[in-house]
Amino acid sequence: MNIYSLIIRFFGIGFLIIGLLKIGGLITIEFKNIFSLSLAGFLFVLFDFISHFVEKSNNTTLRSTLSYLRIATLFLSIITIIVVPFFPIKWNTPFLKVITDSLVYLSLGIVIYLIGSKNRSGNEVNISSAEK
């Protein structure tokens, strides 16, 4: 197993544990952390979305450009988790709450689109192999 894959999985497990602890009422999470995680989650989903188009594209220039954009979204998502909660701003503003809510819906929309798109690609392969 790739060490980077293992590290990412451990981060995912950590966030699952935080979610379960929050559901159980054992911890409280400040809004600044929720905002940064919502933003990072959106950027991670955007990374996956761009990766989907990198895999589908036959144009080498577009693939190269999207690959750089993909790396940028991955970098920004990780930096967002680490740095954004330390920004010296007023956190509980209506504007930031709207942004946080919007990021959740945007992320969910992209994830659902990707599920449908990847599922559709898999069905096309299954149909073509069944016809042979």
Protein backbone atom coordinates (compact mmCIF):
# COMPACT_ATOMS: atom_id res chain seq x y z
CA MET A 1 0.00 0.00 0.00
CA ASN A 2 1.20 3.48 -0.86
CA ILE A 3 2.28 5.44 2.26
CA TYR A 4 0.50 8.58 1.01
CA SER A 5 -2.72 6.63 0.63
CA LEU A 6 -2.32 5.33 4.16
CA ILE A 7 -1.77 8.84 5.54
CA ILE A 8 -4.89 10.11 3.77
CA ARG A 9 -6.91 7.20 5.13
CA PHE A 10 -5.72 7.95 8.67
CA PHE A 11 -6.80 11.58 8.26
CA GLY A 12 -10.18 10.36 7.06
CA ILE A 13 -10.51 8.05 10.06
CA GLY A 14 -9.60 10.96 12.33
CA PHE A 15 -12.38 13.10 10.86
CA LEU A 16 -14.84 10.21 11.19
CA ILE A 17 -13.93 9.92 14.87
CA ILE A 18 -14.41 13.68 15.34
CA GLY A 19 -17.84 13.40 13.68
CA LEU A 20 -18.87 10.52 15.91
CA LEU A 21 -17.66 12.34 19.02
CA LYS A 22 -19.66 15.41 17.94
CA ILE A 23 -22.79 13.31 17.37
CA GLY A 24 -22.30 11.77 20.81
CA GLY A 25 -22.05 15.21 22.37
CA LEU A 26 -18.59 14.49 23.71
CA ILE A 27 -16.93 17.43 21.97
CA THR A 28 -17.84 20.88 20.71
CA ILE A 29 -16.52 22.27 17.48
CA GLU A 30 -16.02 25.98 17.01
CA PHE A 31 -17.47 27.69 13.95
CA LYS A 32 -14.02 28.61 12.63
CA ASN A 33 -13.19 24.89 12.44
CA ILE A 34 -16.49 24.07 10.76
CA PHE A 35 -15.88 26.84 8.22
CA SER A 36 -12.33 25.70 7.45
CA LEU A 37 -13.42 22.07 7.12
CA SER A 38 -16.32 23.03 4.86
CA LEU A 39 -13.96 25.00 2.65
CA ALA A 40 -11.39 22.20 2.66
CA GLY A 41 -14.09 19.63 1.92
CA PHE A 42 -15.23 21.67 -1.05
CA LEU A 43 -11.65 21.91 -2.31
CA PHE A 44 -11.16 18.14 -1.88
CA VAL A 45 -14.34 17.52 -3.86
CA LEU A 46 -13.16 20.01 -6.48
CA PHE A 47 -9.88 18.06 -6.62
CA ASP A 48 -11.81 14.86 -7.34
CA PHE A 49 -13.98 16.66 -9.90
CA ILE A 50 -10.93 17.98 -11.75
CA SER A 51 -9.29 14.55 -11.53
CA HIS A 52 -12.34 13.09 -13.25
CA PHE A 53 -11.86 15.45 -16.20
CA VAL A 54 -8.11 14.80 -16.31
CA GLU A 55 -8.86 11.09 -16.74
CA LYS A 56 -11.50 11.74 -19.42
CA SER A 57 -9.57 14.30 -21.47
CA ASN A 58 -7.66 13.32 -24.60
CA ASN A 59 -6.20 16.82 -25.05
CA THR A 60 -2.67 16.89 -23.59
CA THR A 61 -2.64 20.66 -23.07
CA LEU A 62 -5.94 20.53 -21.20
CA ARG A 63 -4.75 17.52 -19.17
CA SER A 64 -1.58 19.38 -18.21
CA THR A 65 -3.46 22.52 -17.19
CA LEU A 66 -6.03 20.54 -15.22
CA SER A 67 -3.25 18.58 -13.52
CA TYR A 68 -1.74 21.82 -12.20
CA LEU A 69 -5.18 22.99 -11.09
CA ARG A 70 -5.72 19.64 -9.39
CA ILE A 71 -2.47 20.00 -7.42
CA ALA A 72 -3.43 23.56 -6.47
CA THR A 73 -6.81 22.46 -5.08
CA LEU A 74 -5.19 19.66 -3.09
CA PHE A 75 -2.60 22.07 -1.67
CA LEU A 76 -5.24 24.68 -0.82
CA SER A 77 -7.50 22.12 0.85
CA ILE A 78 -4.74 20.99 3.19
CA ILE A 79 -3.58 24.55 3.89
CA THR A 80 -7.18 25.54 4.60
CA ILE A 81 -7.49 22.94 7.36
CA ILE A 82 -4.24 24.03 8.98
CA VAL A 83 -4.15 27.81 8.48
CA VAL A 84 -7.69 29.23 8.16
CA PRO A 85 -8.78 28.61 11.78
CA PHE A 86 -5.95 30.90 12.91
CA PHE A 87 -7.03 33.87 10.78
CA PRO A 88 -7.75 36.85 13.06
CA ILE A 89 -11.25 37.59 11.77
CA LYS A 90 -14.72 37.80 13.27
CA TRP A 91 -16.02 34.27 12.71
CA ASN A 92 -19.71 34.35 13.58
CA THR A 93 -20.82 36.65 10.80
CA PRO A 94 -23.89 36.00 8.66
CA PHE A 95 -21.72 36.18 5.53
CA LEU A 96 -19.43 33.33 6.66
CA LYS A 97 -22.44 31.25 7.69
CA VAL A 98 -23.92 31.66 4.20
CA ILE A 99 -20.59 30.73 2.62
CA THR A 100 -20.32 27.64 4.85
CA ASP A 101 -23.84 26.48 3.99
CA SER A 102 -23.25 27.14 0.30
CA LEU A 103 -20.00 25.16 0.30
CA VAL A 104 -21.84 22.17 1.75
CA TYR A 105 -24.46 22.26 -1.01
CA LEU A 106 -21.90 22.86 -3.76
CA SER A 107 -19.81 19.94 -2.50
CA LEU A 108 -22.82 17.67 -2.29
CA GLY A 109 -23.88 18.62 -5.81
CA ILE A 110 -20.44 17.84 -7.22
CA VAL A 111 -20.23 14.53 -5.34
CA ILE A 112 -23.65 13.44 -6.60
CA TYR A 113 -22.69 14.46 -10.14
CA LEU A 114 -19.46 12.46 -9.91
CA ILE A 115 -21.26 9.39 -8.57
CA GLY A 116 -23.68 9.54 -11.48
CA SER A 117 -20.93 10.20 -13.98
CA LYS A 118 -18.66 7.43 -12.74
CA ASN A 119 -21.58 5.02 -12.47
CA ARG A 120 -22.62 5.87 -16.04
CA SER A 121 -19.09 5.19 -17.30
CA GLY A 122 -19.10 1.83 -15.55
CA ASN A 123 -22.46 0.91 -17.08
CA GLU A 124 -21.21 1.75 -20.57
CA VAL A 125 -18.30 -0.65 -20.07
CA ASN A 126 -20.63 -3.33 -18.72
CA ILE A 127 -23.04 -2.93 -21.64
CA SER A 128 -20.30 -3.06 -24.27
CA SER A 129 -18.72 -6.15 -22.69
CA ALA A 130 -22.14 -7.82 -22.42
CA GLU A 131 -22.78 -7.29 -26.14
CA LYS A 132 -19.66 -9.26 -27.12
